[in-house]
Amino acid sequence: MGYESDVNAVVVAEAYDENFIFINTTSTKVESVIKIGPKETRRLSFGMTLLPGALEGIYRVDVTAKSQNRIEGVKVPVYINVEE
């Protein structure tokens, strides 16, 4: 079933490691609601930081997107290499 008009999409990014948090929060999870139409794309940016004492390395962040009125969505793992 396709969409013929704009929908509100919920985008959630969640880090697996509690030492890798979103900037200006104390959370490993952030959520954003965007309006998007058929065949459109959106680029979202979420700044992240390591807590003091955390090690450099590769950190996993899962990004999930779904329509507000749907239970299921698309989940994509993103791996971020953190260096000083």
N, C-alpha and C. Protein backbone atom coordinates (compact mmCIF):
# COMPACT_ATOMS: atom_id res chain seq x y z
N MET A 1 0.84 -1.18 0.00
CA MET A 1 0.00 0.00 0.00
C MET A 1 0.89 1.24 0.00
N GLY A 2 0.76 2.10 -0.96
CA GLY A 2 1.56 3.30 -1.06
C GLY A 2 0.86 4.51 -0.47
N TYR A 3 1.63 5.55 -0.26
CA TYR A 3 1.08 6.80 0.26
C TYR A 3 0.95 7.79 -0.88
N GLU A 4 -0.12 8.56 -0.89
CA GLU A 4 -0.34 9.55 -1.93
C GLU A 4 -0.18 10.97 -1.43
N SER A 5 0.03 11.14 -0.11
CA SER A 5 0.18 12.48 0.44
C SER A 5 1.23 12.46 1.55
N ASP A 6 1.50 13.63 2.10
CA ASP A 6 2.48 13.73 3.17
C ASP A 6 2.05 12.93 4.39
N VAL A 7 3.02 12.37 5.09
CA VAL A 7 2.77 11.67 6.35
C VAL A 7 3.73 12.20 7.41
N ASN A 8 3.35 12.05 8.66
CA ASN A 8 4.25 12.34 9.76
C ASN A 8 5.02 11.07 10.06
N ALA A 9 6.33 11.16 9.99
CA ALA A 9 7.19 10.01 10.26
C ALA A 9 7.92 10.23 11.58
N VAL A 10 8.02 9.16 12.37
CA VAL A 10 8.76 9.19 13.63
C VAL A 10 10.13 8.57 13.37
N VAL A 11 11.18 9.34 13.65
CA VAL A 11 12.55 8.85 13.49
C VAL A 11 13.18 8.78 14.88
N VAL A 12 13.67 7.60 15.24
CA VAL A 12 14.29 7.38 16.55
C VAL A 12 15.71 6.90 16.33
N ALA A 13 16.65 7.53 17.01
CA ALA A 13 18.05 7.08 17.00
C ALA A 13 18.39 6.67 18.42
N GLU A 14 18.98 5.47 18.57
CA GLU A 14 19.29 4.95 19.90
C GLU A 14 20.65 4.28 19.91
N ALA A 15 21.53 4.76 20.79
CA ALA A 15 22.87 4.19 20.93
C ALA A 15 22.81 2.97 21.84
N TYR A 16 23.67 1.99 21.58
CA TYR A 16 23.72 0.78 22.38
C TYR A 16 24.54 0.96 23.65
N ASP A 17 25.47 1.89 23.64
CA ASP A 17 26.39 2.08 24.77
C ASP A 17 25.97 3.31 25.56
N GLU A 18 25.82 3.14 26.87
CA GLU A 18 25.37 4.26 27.72
C GLU A 18 26.38 5.38 27.85
N ASN A 19 27.60 5.18 27.37
CA ASN A 19 28.63 6.22 27.39
C ASN A 19 28.61 7.09 26.13
N PHE A 20 27.79 6.75 25.16
CA PHE A 20 27.69 7.47 23.89
C PHE A 20 26.31 8.12 23.86
N ILE A 21 26.25 9.43 24.16
CA ILE A 21 24.97 10.10 24.33
C ILE A 21 24.79 11.22 23.31
N PHE A 22 23.56 11.65 23.18
CA PHE A 22 23.25 12.75 22.27
C PHE A 22 23.58 14.08 22.94
N ILE A 23 24.18 14.99 22.17
CA ILE A 23 24.59 16.30 22.68
C ILE A 23 23.37 17.05 23.21
N ASN A 24 23.59 17.79 24.29
CA ASN A 24 22.55 18.58 24.97
C ASN A 24 21.48 17.71 25.64
N THR A 25 21.79 16.43 25.85
CA THR A 25 20.90 15.54 26.59
C THR A 25 21.77 14.69 27.51
N THR A 26 21.12 13.87 28.30
CA THR A 26 21.83 12.85 29.07
C THR A 26 21.33 11.48 28.62
N SER A 27 20.87 11.41 27.39
CA SER A 27 20.18 10.23 26.89
C SER A 27 20.91 9.56 25.72
N THR A 28 20.74 8.24 25.65
CA THR A 28 21.25 7.47 24.52
C THR A 28 20.20 7.37 23.41
N LYS A 29 19.08 8.07 23.60
CA LYS A 29 17.98 7.97 22.64
C LYS A 29 17.43 9.36 22.33
N VAL A 30 17.11 9.59 21.05
CA VAL A 30 16.50 10.84 20.63
C VAL A 30 15.42 10.52 19.59
N GLU A 31 14.37 11.33 19.59
CA GLU A 31 13.25 11.10 18.68
C GLU A 31 12.87 12.41 18.00
N SER A 32 12.49 12.29 16.73
CA SER A 32 12.09 13.45 15.96
C SER A 32 10.90 13.06 15.08
N VAL A 33 9.93 13.97 14.95
CA VAL A 33 8.79 13.74 14.06
C VAL A 33 8.95 14.71 12.89
N ILE A 34 8.91 14.15 11.68
CA ILE A 34 9.07 14.97 10.47
C ILE A 34 7.90 14.72 9.52
N LYS A 35 7.59 15.69 8.70
CA LYS A 35 6.59 15.52 7.65
C LYS A 35 7.34 15.21 6.36
N ILE A 36 6.88 14.16 5.67
CA ILE A 36 7.56 13.74 4.44
C ILE A 36 6.52 13.24 3.45
N GLY A 37 6.76 13.53 2.18
CA GLY A 37 5.84 13.13 1.12
C GLY A 37 6.38 11.96 0.33
N PRO A 38 5.58 11.44 -0.59
CA PRO A 38 6.00 10.32 -1.42
C PRO A 38 7.28 10.64 -2.20
N LYS A 39 8.21 9.72 -2.22
CA LYS A 39 9.48 9.80 -2.95
C LYS A 39 10.38 10.94 -2.49
N GLU A 40 10.10 11.56 -1.33
CA GLU A 40 10.96 12.60 -0.78
C GLU A 40 11.98 11.98 0.16
N THR A 41 13.05 12.71 0.38
CA THR A 41 14.06 12.28 1.36
C THR A 41 14.28 13.43 2.35
N ARG A 42 14.77 13.08 3.52
CA ARG A 42 15.12 14.06 4.54
C ARG A 42 16.48 13.66 5.11
N ARG A 43 17.27 14.65 5.44
CA ARG A 43 18.55 14.42 6.09
C ARG A 43 18.45 15.00 7.50
N LEU A 44 18.63 14.14 8.50
CA LEU A 44 18.57 14.57 9.89
C LEU A 44 19.96 14.47 10.49
N SER A 45 20.25 15.36 11.42
CA SER A 45 21.56 15.36 12.06
C SER A 45 21.37 15.34 13.58
N PHE A 46 22.02 14.39 14.23
CA PHE A 46 21.97 14.29 15.68
C PHE A 46 23.41 14.25 16.19
N GLY A 47 23.83 15.29 16.92
CA GLY A 47 25.18 15.32 17.47
C GLY A 47 25.30 14.38 18.66
N MET A 48 26.46 13.71 18.77
CA MET A 48 26.69 12.78 19.87
C MET A 48 28.05 13.04 20.49
N THR A 49 28.21 12.59 21.72
CA THR A 49 29.48 12.74 22.43
C THR A 49 29.71 11.55 23.35
N LEU A 50 30.97 11.31 23.65
CA LEU A 50 31.32 10.28 24.64
C LEU A 50 31.38 10.92 26.02
N LEU A 51 30.91 10.21 27.02
CA LEU A 51 31.04 10.68 28.39
C LEU A 51 32.50 10.59 28.81
N PRO A 52 32.93 11.43 29.77
CA PRO A 52 34.32 11.38 30.24
C PRO A 52 34.69 9.97 30.69
N GLY A 53 35.89 9.54 30.30
CA GLY A 53 36.38 8.22 30.66
C GLY A 53 36.01 7.11 29.70
N ALA A 54 35.14 7.39 28.73
CA ALA A 54 34.74 6.37 27.75
C ALA A 54 35.87 6.20 26.73
N LEU A 55 35.95 5.02 26.17
CA LEU A 55 37.02 4.69 25.23
C LEU A 55 36.65 5.04 23.79
N GLU A 56 37.67 5.37 23.00
CA GLU A 56 37.47 5.51 21.56
C GLU A 56 37.07 4.16 20.99
N GLY A 57 36.49 4.18 19.83
CA GLY A 57 36.15 2.92 19.19
C GLY A 57 34.94 3.05 18.30
N ILE A 58 34.36 1.92 17.97
CA ILE A 58 33.19 1.87 17.10
C ILE A 58 31.95 1.69 17.96
N TYR A 59 30.99 2.59 17.77
CA TYR A 59 29.75 2.55 18.53
C TYR A 59 28.57 2.36 17.59
N ARG A 60 27.62 1.53 18.03
CA ARG A 60 26.44 1.24 17.21
C ARG A 60 25.28 2.16 17.63
N VAL A 61 24.60 2.71 16.63
CA VAL A 61 23.39 3.50 16.83
C VAL A 61 22.34 2.93 15.88
N ASP A 62 21.19 2.52 16.42
CA ASP A 62 20.09 2.05 15.57
C ASP A 62 19.19 3.22 15.24
N VAL A 63 18.85 3.36 13.96
CA VAL A 63 17.94 4.40 13.50
C VAL A 63 16.68 3.73 12.97
N THR A 64 15.55 4.12 13.54
CA THR A 64 14.27 3.54 13.15
C THR A 64 13.36 4.64 12.62
N ALA A 65 12.66 4.36 11.53
CA ALA A 65 11.70 5.31 10.96
C ALA A 65 10.40 4.59 10.67
N LYS A 66 9.30 5.25 11.04
CA LYS A 66 7.98 4.68 10.76
C LYS A 66 6.95 5.78 10.69
N SER A 67 5.88 5.53 10.00
CA SER A 67 4.76 6.46 9.97
C SER A 67 4.14 6.50 11.37
N GLN A 68 3.66 7.66 11.79
CA GLN A 68 3.07 7.78 13.13
C GLN A 68 1.92 6.82 13.34
N ASN A 69 1.19 6.47 12.29
CA ASN A 69 0.03 5.61 12.46
C ASN A 69 0.34 4.13 12.20
N ARG A 70 1.60 3.77 12.15
CA ARG A 70 2.01 2.37 11.91
C ARG A 70 2.72 1.81 13.13
N ILE A 71 2.61 0.51 13.32
CA ILE A 71 3.31 -0.15 14.42
C ILE A 71 4.73 -0.50 14.00
N GLU A 72 4.90 -0.98 12.77
CA GLU A 72 6.22 -1.39 12.29
C GLU A 72 6.85 -0.30 11.44
N GLY A 73 8.19 -0.33 11.40
CA GLY A 73 8.93 0.61 10.58
C GLY A 73 10.18 -0.04 10.04
N VAL A 74 11.13 0.78 9.67
CA VAL A 74 12.40 0.31 9.14
C VAL A 74 13.48 0.63 10.16
N LYS A 75 14.31 -0.37 10.47
CA LYS A 75 15.39 -0.19 11.45
C LYS A 75 16.73 -0.46 10.75
N VAL A 76 17.66 0.50 10.90
CA VAL A 76 18.96 0.40 10.25
C VAL A 76 20.05 0.63 11.30
N PRO A 77 21.00 -0.30 11.43
CA PRO A 77 22.12 -0.06 12.34
C PRO A 77 23.17 0.84 11.65
N VAL A 78 23.69 1.79 12.41
CA VAL A 78 24.76 2.68 11.92
C VAL A 78 25.92 2.52 12.87
N TYR A 79 27.13 2.35 12.33
CA TYR A 79 28.31 2.20 13.15
C TYR A 79 29.17 3.46 13.03
N ILE A 80 29.50 4.06 14.16
CA ILE A 80 30.22 5.31 14.19
C ILE A 80 31.57 5.09 14.83
N ASN A 81 32.65 5.46 14.11
CA ASN A 81 34.00 5.34 14.64
C ASN A 81 34.35 6.63 15.37
N VAL A 82 34.61 6.53 16.68
CA VAL A 82 34.89 7.70 17.50
C VAL A 82 36.37 7.74 17.83
N GLU A 83 37.04 8.83 17.40
CA GLU A 83 38.46 9.03 17.67
C GLU A 83 38.68 10.40 18.27
N GLU A 84 39.78 10.54 18.99
CA GLU A 84 40.15 11.88 19.51
C GLU A 84 40.78 12.71 18.44
